[in-house]
Amino acid sequence: MDATKIHSFNSFVRMMYAYSTPEIARHDGWLKIGDTEQGVNKRIKQQTHTADVIHKLEWKDIAMYRDDCTYFRDHDFHDYLTEYKGIERNDHTEWFRIDGTTLRQCFEEFASRDYPQKGLHYSYKLREEQQKPTMGRASSYGTPNPDLVRRSRLTT
């Protein structure tokens, strides 16, 4: 008898997490905030093990909006923290000056979408090589294609 098992998909649960590194003085008052699909403890160990850094898990929760059960990414939450809440961020990193209790409160507000979303600005910027192909295209939107205009005159 053939014992072949077919796995058509792998399920996952995206988790948000935050940890501190108590023995690193320059990180005092800062939390590393990220997301993972492989398990929080496994991910943190990947980030801290080889550098022999002691960490303290401050918080974890499912990275899912409460109203429609869709997942979000850590950069969505990062943007919310910096742009909406004014939380200080160490440039180009996932380290934020925030305590665990405040972070939990911010996360609940964000995941519940319990805040005015007007004016929220996301900090994603296209790299230079991404901007070049799009330059000039936006101005052509809404400009009638002469071939289509000619064809529509012939059929009416």
N, C-alpha and C. Protein backbone atom coordinates (compact mmCIF):
# COMPACT_ATOMS: atom_id res chain seq x y z
N MET A 1 0.84 -1.19 0.00
CA MET A 1 0.00 0.00 0.00
C MET A 1 0.88 1.25 0.00
N ASP A 2 0.53 2.20 -0.83
CA ASP A 2 1.28 3.44 -0.96
C ASP A 2 0.93 4.38 0.19
N ALA A 3 1.92 4.87 0.89
CA ALA A 3 1.69 5.77 2.04
C ALA A 3 1.99 7.23 1.67
N THR A 4 1.92 7.57 0.40
CA THR A 4 2.20 8.92 -0.04
C THR A 4 1.14 9.88 0.49
N LYS A 5 1.63 10.98 1.07
CA LYS A 5 0.71 12.03 1.55
C LYS A 5 0.97 13.29 0.74
N ILE A 6 -0.08 13.87 0.26
CA ILE A 6 0.03 15.10 -0.51
C ILE A 6 -0.41 16.25 0.37
N HIS A 7 0.47 17.24 0.48
CA HIS A 7 0.15 18.45 1.23
C HIS A 7 -0.05 19.56 0.21
N SER A 8 -1.28 19.95 0.00
CA SER A 8 -1.58 20.94 -1.03
C SER A 8 -1.23 22.37 -0.63
N PHE A 9 -1.12 22.62 0.66
CA PHE A 9 -0.74 23.95 1.12
C PHE A 9 -0.21 23.85 2.54
N ASN A 10 0.55 24.86 2.91
CA ASN A 10 1.02 24.99 4.29
C ASN A 10 0.26 26.12 4.94
N SER A 11 -0.30 25.87 6.08
CA SER A 11 -0.99 26.95 6.78
C SER A 11 0.03 27.71 7.63
N PHE A 12 -0.30 28.94 7.92
CA PHE A 12 0.56 29.75 8.77
C PHE A 12 -0.28 30.76 9.52
N VAL A 13 0.28 31.26 10.57
CA VAL A 13 -0.32 32.36 11.32
C VAL A 13 0.77 33.41 11.46
N ARG A 14 0.56 34.57 10.84
CA ARG A 14 1.54 35.65 10.96
C ARG A 14 1.40 36.27 12.35
N MET A 15 2.52 36.36 13.03
CA MET A 15 2.54 36.91 14.38
C MET A 15 3.39 38.18 14.42
N MET A 16 2.94 39.13 15.22
CA MET A 16 3.74 40.31 15.54
C MET A 16 4.39 40.02 16.89
N TYR A 17 5.55 40.59 17.10
CA TYR A 17 6.25 40.40 18.37
C TYR A 17 7.12 41.61 18.67
N ALA A 18 7.50 41.73 19.92
CA ALA A 18 8.44 42.77 20.33
C ALA A 18 9.31 42.20 21.44
N TYR A 19 10.59 42.50 21.36
CA TYR A 19 11.49 42.08 22.42
C TYR A 19 12.48 43.18 22.75
N SER A 20 13.01 43.08 23.95
CA SER A 20 14.05 44.00 24.41
C SER A 20 15.34 43.21 24.59
N THR A 21 16.44 43.93 24.68
CA THR A 21 17.73 43.31 24.93
C THR A 21 18.31 43.98 26.18
N PRO A 22 17.93 43.49 27.37
CA PRO A 22 18.25 44.16 28.63
C PRO A 22 19.74 44.40 28.88
N GLU A 23 20.62 43.57 28.36
CA GLU A 23 22.04 43.74 28.64
C GLU A 23 22.74 44.72 27.69
N ILE A 24 22.03 45.22 26.70
CA ILE A 24 22.62 46.19 25.77
C ILE A 24 22.14 47.58 26.16
N ALA A 25 23.02 48.35 26.75
CA ALA A 25 22.67 49.66 27.34
C ALA A 25 22.08 50.62 26.31
N ARG A 26 22.62 50.65 25.10
CA ARG A 26 22.11 51.60 24.10
C ARG A 26 20.70 51.26 23.62
N HIS A 27 20.22 50.04 23.92
CA HIS A 27 18.85 49.65 23.59
C HIS A 27 17.88 49.87 24.75
N ASP A 28 18.35 50.47 25.82
CA ASP A 28 17.49 50.70 26.98
C ASP A 28 16.33 51.61 26.58
N GLY A 29 15.10 51.13 26.78
CA GLY A 29 13.91 51.89 26.40
C GLY A 29 13.45 51.64 24.98
N TRP A 30 14.15 50.77 24.26
CA TRP A 30 13.82 50.47 22.87
C TRP A 30 13.34 49.03 22.74
N LEU A 31 12.39 48.80 21.83
CA LEU A 31 11.91 47.46 21.53
C LEU A 31 12.08 47.18 20.04
N LYS A 32 12.44 45.94 19.74
CA LYS A 32 12.51 45.48 18.35
C LYS A 32 11.13 44.92 18.03
N ILE A 33 10.47 45.45 16.99
CA ILE A 33 9.12 45.04 16.63
C ILE A 33 9.16 44.44 15.23
N GLY A 34 8.70 43.19 15.11
CA GLY A 34 8.72 42.52 13.82
C GLY A 34 7.53 41.60 13.65
N ASP A 35 7.52 40.90 12.53
CA ASP A 35 6.51 39.87 12.30
C ASP A 35 7.19 38.61 11.78
N THR A 36 6.50 37.51 11.90
CA THR A 36 7.04 36.24 11.44
C THR A 36 5.91 35.27 11.16
N GLU A 37 6.20 34.31 10.30
CA GLU A 37 5.26 33.24 10.00
C GLU A 37 5.78 31.90 10.51
N GLN A 38 6.93 31.91 11.16
CA GLN A 38 7.57 30.66 11.55
C GLN A 38 7.59 30.40 13.05
N GLY A 39 6.94 31.21 13.82
CA GLY A 39 6.96 31.07 15.27
C GLY A 39 7.84 32.15 15.88
N VAL A 40 7.31 32.83 16.87
CA VAL A 40 7.99 33.98 17.46
C VAL A 40 9.32 33.58 18.10
N ASN A 41 9.32 32.56 18.93
CA ASN A 41 10.56 32.19 19.62
C ASN A 41 11.64 31.76 18.64
N LYS A 42 11.26 31.03 17.61
CA LYS A 42 12.23 30.60 16.59
C LYS A 42 12.83 31.81 15.88
N ARG A 43 11.99 32.78 15.53
CA ARG A 43 12.47 33.97 14.82
C ARG A 43 13.40 34.81 15.70
N ILE A 44 13.02 35.02 16.94
CA ILE A 44 13.87 35.81 17.83
C ILE A 44 15.21 35.11 18.04
N LYS A 45 15.18 33.81 18.19
CA LYS A 45 16.44 33.06 18.36
C LYS A 45 17.34 33.25 17.15
N GLN A 46 16.76 33.25 15.94
CA GLN A 46 17.56 33.48 14.73
C GLN A 46 18.27 34.84 14.79
N GLN A 47 17.58 35.82 15.35
CA GLN A 47 18.12 37.18 15.38
C GLN A 47 19.13 37.40 16.51
N THR A 48 19.05 36.63 17.58
CA THR A 48 19.88 36.91 18.75
C THR A 48 20.90 35.83 19.09
N HIS A 49 20.70 34.63 18.62
CA HIS A 49 21.52 33.50 19.05
C HIS A 49 23.00 33.64 18.69
N THR A 50 23.30 33.89 17.43
CA THR A 50 24.72 33.91 17.03
C THR A 50 25.49 35.06 17.65
N ALA A 51 24.79 36.13 18.00
CA ALA A 51 25.46 37.26 18.65
C ALA A 51 25.47 37.09 20.17
N ASP A 52 24.89 35.99 20.66
CA ASP A 52 24.85 35.69 22.10
C ASP A 52 24.22 36.85 22.88
N VAL A 53 23.06 37.29 22.39
CA VAL A 53 22.35 38.41 23.01
C VAL A 53 21.18 37.87 23.82
N ILE A 54 21.12 38.28 25.08
CA ILE A 54 19.97 37.91 25.92
C ILE A 54 18.81 38.81 25.53
N HIS A 55 17.65 38.21 25.37
CA HIS A 55 16.47 38.98 24.99
C HIS A 55 15.33 38.68 25.97
N LYS A 56 14.37 39.60 25.97
CA LYS A 56 13.16 39.41 26.76
C LYS A 56 11.98 39.66 25.85
N LEU A 57 11.15 38.64 25.66
CA LEU A 57 9.94 38.81 24.86
C LEU A 57 8.99 39.72 25.64
N GLU A 58 8.64 40.85 25.04
CA GLU A 58 7.79 41.83 25.71
C GLU A 58 6.32 41.63 25.36
N TRP A 59 6.08 41.11 24.15
CA TRP A 59 4.70 41.03 23.68
C TRP A 59 4.65 40.26 22.37
N LYS A 60 3.53 39.57 22.14
CA LYS A 60 3.26 38.95 20.84
C LYS A 60 1.75 38.86 20.66
N ASP A 61 1.32 38.89 19.39
CA ASP A 61 -0.09 38.80 19.07
C ASP A 61 -0.22 38.46 17.59
N ILE A 62 -1.39 38.03 17.18
CA ILE A 62 -1.64 37.71 15.78
C ILE A 62 -1.68 39.01 14.98
N ALA A 63 -1.00 39.04 13.84
CA ALA A 63 -0.92 40.21 12.97
C ALA A 63 -2.14 40.25 12.06
N MET A 64 -3.30 40.48 12.67
CA MET A 64 -4.56 40.41 11.92
C MET A 64 -5.49 41.54 12.35
N TYR A 65 -6.09 42.18 11.35
CA TYR A 65 -7.10 43.18 11.66
C TYR A 65 -8.31 42.48 12.28
N ARG A 66 -8.84 43.07 13.32
CA ARG A 66 -9.94 42.45 14.05
C ARG A 66 -11.27 42.48 13.30
N ASP A 67 -11.46 43.48 12.41
CA ASP A 67 -12.76 43.64 11.76
C ASP A 67 -12.97 42.72 10.56
N ASP A 68 -11.90 42.37 9.84
CA ASP A 68 -12.10 41.52 8.66
C ASP A 68 -11.17 40.31 8.59
N CYS A 69 -10.40 40.11 9.64
CA CYS A 69 -9.51 38.93 9.76
C CYS A 69 -8.49 38.83 8.62
N THR A 70 -8.05 39.97 8.08
CA THR A 70 -6.97 39.95 7.10
C THR A 70 -5.65 40.24 7.82
N TYR A 71 -4.59 39.62 7.33
CA TYR A 71 -3.28 39.84 7.92
C TYR A 71 -2.70 41.17 7.48
N PHE A 72 -1.87 41.74 8.32
CA PHE A 72 -1.08 42.91 7.94
C PHE A 72 0.38 42.60 8.22
N ARG A 73 1.25 43.45 7.74
CA ARG A 73 2.69 43.24 7.90
C ARG A 73 3.24 44.19 8.95
N ASP A 74 4.44 43.90 9.40
CA ASP A 74 5.05 44.73 10.42
C ASP A 74 5.25 46.17 9.94
N HIS A 75 5.55 46.37 8.65
CA HIS A 75 5.76 47.74 8.17
C HIS A 75 4.48 48.56 8.23
N ASP A 76 3.31 47.92 8.13
CA ASP A 76 2.05 48.65 8.31
C ASP A 76 1.96 49.19 9.73
N PHE A 77 2.28 48.33 10.70
CA PHE A 77 2.25 48.73 12.10
C PHE A 77 3.35 49.74 12.40
N HIS A 78 4.53 49.55 11.81
CA HIS A 78 5.63 50.51 12.00
C HIS A 78 5.20 51.91 11.54
N ASP A 79 4.58 51.98 10.36
CA ASP A 79 4.13 53.27 9.84
C ASP A 79 3.10 53.91 10.77
N TYR A 80 2.20 53.11 11.28
CA TYR A 80 1.21 53.61 12.22
C TYR A 80 1.91 54.20 13.45
N LEU A 81 2.88 53.48 14.00
CA LEU A 81 3.58 53.96 15.20
C LEU A 81 4.29 55.28 14.95
N THR A 82 4.97 55.41 13.82
CA THR A 82 5.74 56.63 13.57
C THR A 82 4.88 57.78 13.07
N GLU A 83 4.03 57.49 12.08
CA GLU A 83 3.26 58.56 11.45
C GLU A 83 2.06 59.01 12.27
N TYR A 84 1.37 58.07 12.89
CA TYR A 84 0.15 58.42 13.61
C TYR A 84 0.40 58.68 15.09
N LYS A 85 1.21 57.83 15.73
CA LYS A 85 1.44 57.95 17.17
C LYS A 85 2.67 58.77 17.51
N GLY A 86 3.54 59.04 16.55
CA GLY A 86 4.73 59.85 16.79
C GLY A 86 5.80 59.13 17.60
N ILE A 87 5.84 57.82 17.54
CA ILE A 87 6.82 57.04 18.28
C ILE A 87 8.17 57.13 17.56
N GLU A 88 9.21 57.37 18.32
CA GLU A 88 10.55 57.48 17.74
C GLU A 88 11.04 56.13 17.24
N ARG A 89 11.65 56.17 16.06
CA ARG A 89 12.18 54.95 15.43
C ARG A 89 13.65 55.15 15.12
N ASN A 90 14.45 54.13 15.38
CA ASN A 90 15.85 54.16 14.98
C ASN A 90 15.86 53.97 13.46
N ASP A 91 16.38 54.96 12.75
CA ASP A 91 16.30 54.98 11.28
C ASP A 91 16.70 53.66 10.63
N HIS A 92 15.88 53.24 9.69
CA HIS A 92 16.12 52.05 8.85
C HIS A 92 16.26 50.76 9.65
N THR A 93 15.64 50.72 10.83
CA THR A 93 15.64 49.50 11.64
C THR A 93 14.22 49.24 12.12
N GLU A 94 14.05 48.18 12.87
CA GLU A 94 12.76 47.85 13.47
C GLU A 94 12.78 48.12 14.97
N TRP A 95 13.62 49.05 15.41
CA TRP A 95 13.74 49.40 16.83
C TRP A 95 13.00 50.70 17.10
N PHE A 96 12.12 50.66 18.13
CA PHE A 96 11.28 51.80 18.49
C PHE A 96 11.42 52.13 19.97
N ARG A 97 11.40 53.42 20.28
CA ARG A 97 11.47 53.85 21.69
C ARG A 97 10.04 53.81 22.25
N ILE A 98 9.72 52.70 22.91
CA ILE A 98 8.38 52.49 23.44
C ILE A 98 8.45 51.38 24.49
N ASP A 99 7.56 51.42 25.46
CA ASP A 99 7.53 50.35 26.47
C ASP A 99 6.46 49.32 26.08
N GLY A 100 6.53 48.16 26.69
CA GLY A 100 5.64 47.06 26.33
C GLY A 100 4.16 47.36 26.54
N THR A 101 3.82 48.04 27.63
CA THR A 101 2.42 48.35 27.92
C THR A 101 1.85 49.30 26.87
N THR A 102 2.59 50.36 26.55
CA THR A 102 2.13 51.31 25.53
C THR A 102 2.04 50.63 24.18
N LEU A 103 3.00 49.77 23.87
CA LEU A 103 2.99 49.05 22.61
C LEU A 103 1.73 48.19 22.48
N ARG A 104 1.36 47.49 23.53
CA ARG A 104 0.15 46.66 23.49
C ARG A 104 -1.08 47.51 23.23
N GLN A 105 -1.16 48.67 23.88
CA GLN A 105 -2.30 49.57 23.67
C GLN A 105 -2.34 50.07 22.23
N CYS A 106 -1.18 50.45 21.70
CA CYS A 106 -1.12 50.91 20.31
C CYS A 106 -1.52 49.80 19.35
N PHE A 107 -1.07 48.58 19.63
CA PHE A 107 -1.40 47.46 18.76
C PHE A 107 -2.90 47.20 18.75
N GLU A 108 -3.53 47.20 19.91
CA GLU A 108 -4.98 46.97 19.97
C GLU A 108 -5.74 48.03 19.18
N GLU A 109 -5.32 49.27 19.32
CA GLU A 109 -5.96 50.35 18.57
C GLU A 109 -5.76 50.16 17.06
N PHE A 110 -4.54 49.81 16.66
CA PHE A 110 -4.24 49.60 15.25
C PHE A 110 -5.00 48.40 14.68
N ALA A 111 -4.92 47.26 15.36
CA ALA A 111 -5.56 46.03 14.86
C ALA A 111 -7.07 46.15 14.82
N SER A 112 -7.64 46.98 15.70
CA SER A 112 -9.09 47.21 15.72
C SER A 112 -9.49 48.33 14.78
N ARG A 113 -8.51 49.01 14.19
CA ARG A 113 -8.72 50.19 13.35
C ARG A 113 -9.54 51.23 14.10
N ASP A 114 -9.22 51.36 15.37
CA ASP A 114 -9.93 52.26 16.25
C ASP A 114 -9.21 53.61 16.34
N TYR A 115 -9.04 54.23 15.19
CA TYR A 115 -8.38 55.53 15.12
C TYR A 115 -8.79 56.18 13.80
N PRO A 116 -8.78 57.50 13.75
CA PRO A 116 -9.12 58.17 12.49
C PRO A 116 -8.03 57.91 11.47
N GLN A 117 -8.37 57.33 10.32
CA GLN A 117 -7.37 56.94 9.34
C GLN A 117 -7.09 58.01 8.30
N LYS A 118 -7.84 59.09 8.33
CA LYS A 118 -7.60 60.17 7.38
C LYS A 118 -6.23 60.77 7.63
N GLY A 119 -5.50 60.99 6.58
CA GLY A 119 -4.22 61.66 6.69
C GLY A 119 -3.07 60.75 7.08
N LEU A 120 -3.31 59.47 7.28
CA LEU A 120 -2.23 58.56 7.61
C LEU A 120 -1.32 58.43 6.40
N HIS A 121 -0.06 58.70 6.58
CA HIS A 121 0.90 58.69 5.48
C HIS A 121 1.84 57.52 5.66
N TYR A 122 1.98 56.71 4.63
CA TYR A 122 2.88 55.58 4.69
C TYR A 122 4.25 56.00 4.17
N SER A 123 5.28 55.52 4.82
CA SER A 123 6.63 55.99 4.53
C SER A 123 7.34 55.21 3.44
N TYR A 124 6.64 54.33 2.74
CA TYR A 124 7.29 53.56 1.68
C TYR A 124 7.66 54.48 0.53
N LYS A 125 8.89 54.35 0.08
CA LYS A 125 9.35 55.16 -1.05
C LYS A 125 9.95 54.23 -2.09
N LEU A 126 9.66 54.52 -3.35
CA LEU A 126 10.25 53.74 -4.44
C LEU A 126 11.74 54.03 -4.51
N ARG A 127 12.52 52.99 -4.81
CA ARG A 127 13.94 53.18 -5.06
C ARG A 127 14.09 53.87 -6.42
N GLU A 128 15.26 54.45 -6.67
CA GLU A 128 15.49 55.20 -7.91
C GLU A 128 15.20 54.35 -9.14
N GLU A 129 15.66 53.09 -9.13
CA GLU A 129 15.44 52.24 -10.31
C GLU A 129 13.97 51.87 -10.49
N GLN A 130 13.17 51.98 -9.42
CA GLN A 130 11.74 51.72 -9.53
C GLN A 130 10.99 52.95 -10.04
N GLN A 131 11.51 54.13 -9.75
CA GLN A 131 10.84 55.36 -10.14
C GLN A 131 10.96 55.62 -11.64
N LYS A 132 12.09 55.31 -12.23
CA LYS A 132 12.33 55.61 -13.65
C LYS A 132 11.28 55.02 -14.58
N PRO A 133 10.93 53.73 -14.44
CA PRO A 133 9.93 53.18 -15.37
C PRO A 133 8.56 53.82 -15.25
N THR A 134 8.25 54.46 -14.12
CA THR A 134 6.91 55.02 -13.95
C THR A 134 6.84 56.49 -14.30
N MET A 135 7.98 57.15 -14.46
CA MET A 135 7.98 58.58 -14.75
C MET A 135 7.26 58.85 -16.06
N GLY A 136 6.36 59.78 -16.06
CA GLY A 136 5.65 60.17 -17.26
C GLY A 136 4.41 59.36 -17.56
N ARG A 137 4.28 58.21 -16.98
CA ARG A 137 3.11 57.38 -17.28
C ARG A 137 1.83 57.96 -16.69
N ALA A 138 1.92 58.51 -15.50
CA ALA A 138 0.72 59.03 -14.85
C ALA A 138 0.11 60.17 -15.66
N SER A 139 0.96 60.97 -16.30
CA SER A 139 0.42 62.10 -17.07
C SER A 139 -0.34 61.64 -18.31
N SER A 140 -0.06 60.41 -18.78
CA SER A 140 -0.77 59.94 -19.97
C SER A 140 -2.12 59.32 -19.65
N TYR A 141 -2.40 59.06 -18.39
CA TYR A 141 -3.70 58.51 -18.02
C TYR A 141 -4.76 59.56 -18.28
N GLY A 142 -5.84 59.17 -18.88
CA GLY A 142 -6.92 60.10 -19.16
C GLY A 142 -6.77 60.77 -20.52
N THR A 143 -5.62 60.62 -21.17
CA THR A 143 -5.43 61.16 -22.51
C THR A 143 -5.99 60.17 -23.51
N PRO A 144 -6.93 60.59 -24.33
CA PRO A 144 -7.54 59.63 -25.26
C PRO A 144 -6.53 59.08 -26.26
N ASN A 145 -6.63 57.80 -26.54
CA ASN A 145 -5.81 57.16 -27.55
C ASN A 145 -6.41 57.53 -28.90
N PRO A 146 -5.62 58.19 -29.80
CA PRO A 146 -6.18 58.64 -31.08
C PRO A 146 -6.74 57.49 -31.92
N ASP A 147 -6.13 56.31 -31.86
CA ASP A 147 -6.63 55.16 -32.63
C ASP A 147 -8.02 54.75 -32.15
N LEU A 148 -8.22 54.76 -30.84
CA LEU A 148 -9.53 54.39 -30.30
C LEU A 148 -10.58 55.42 -30.64
N VAL A 149 -10.20 56.70 -30.59
CA VAL A 149 -11.14 57.77 -30.93
C VAL A 149 -11.57 57.63 -32.38
N ARG A 150 -10.59 57.37 -33.30
CA ARG A 150 -10.90 57.20 -34.72
C ARG A 150 -11.84 56.03 -34.94
N ARG A 151 -11.56 54.88 -34.25
CA ARG A 151 -12.39 53.69 -34.41
C ARG A 151 -13.79 53.94 -33.90
N SER A 152 -13.93 54.64 -32.81
CA SER A 152 -15.28 54.87 -32.27
C SER A 152 -16.07 55.77 -33.20
N ARG A 153 -15.43 56.69 -33.92
CA ARG A 153 -16.14 57.55 -34.89
C ARG A 153 -16.62 56.74 -36.08
N LEU A 154 -15.83 55.73 -36.48
CA LEU A 154 -16.21 54.91 -37.62
C LEU A 154 -17.40 54.02 -37.32
N THR A 155 -17.54 53.61 -36.07
CA THR A 155 -18.63 52.67 -35.72
C THR A 155 -19.91 53.39 -35.35
N THR A 156 -19.89 54.68 -35.15
CA THR A 156 -21.13 55.37 -34.78
C THR A 156 -21.83 55.98 -35.96
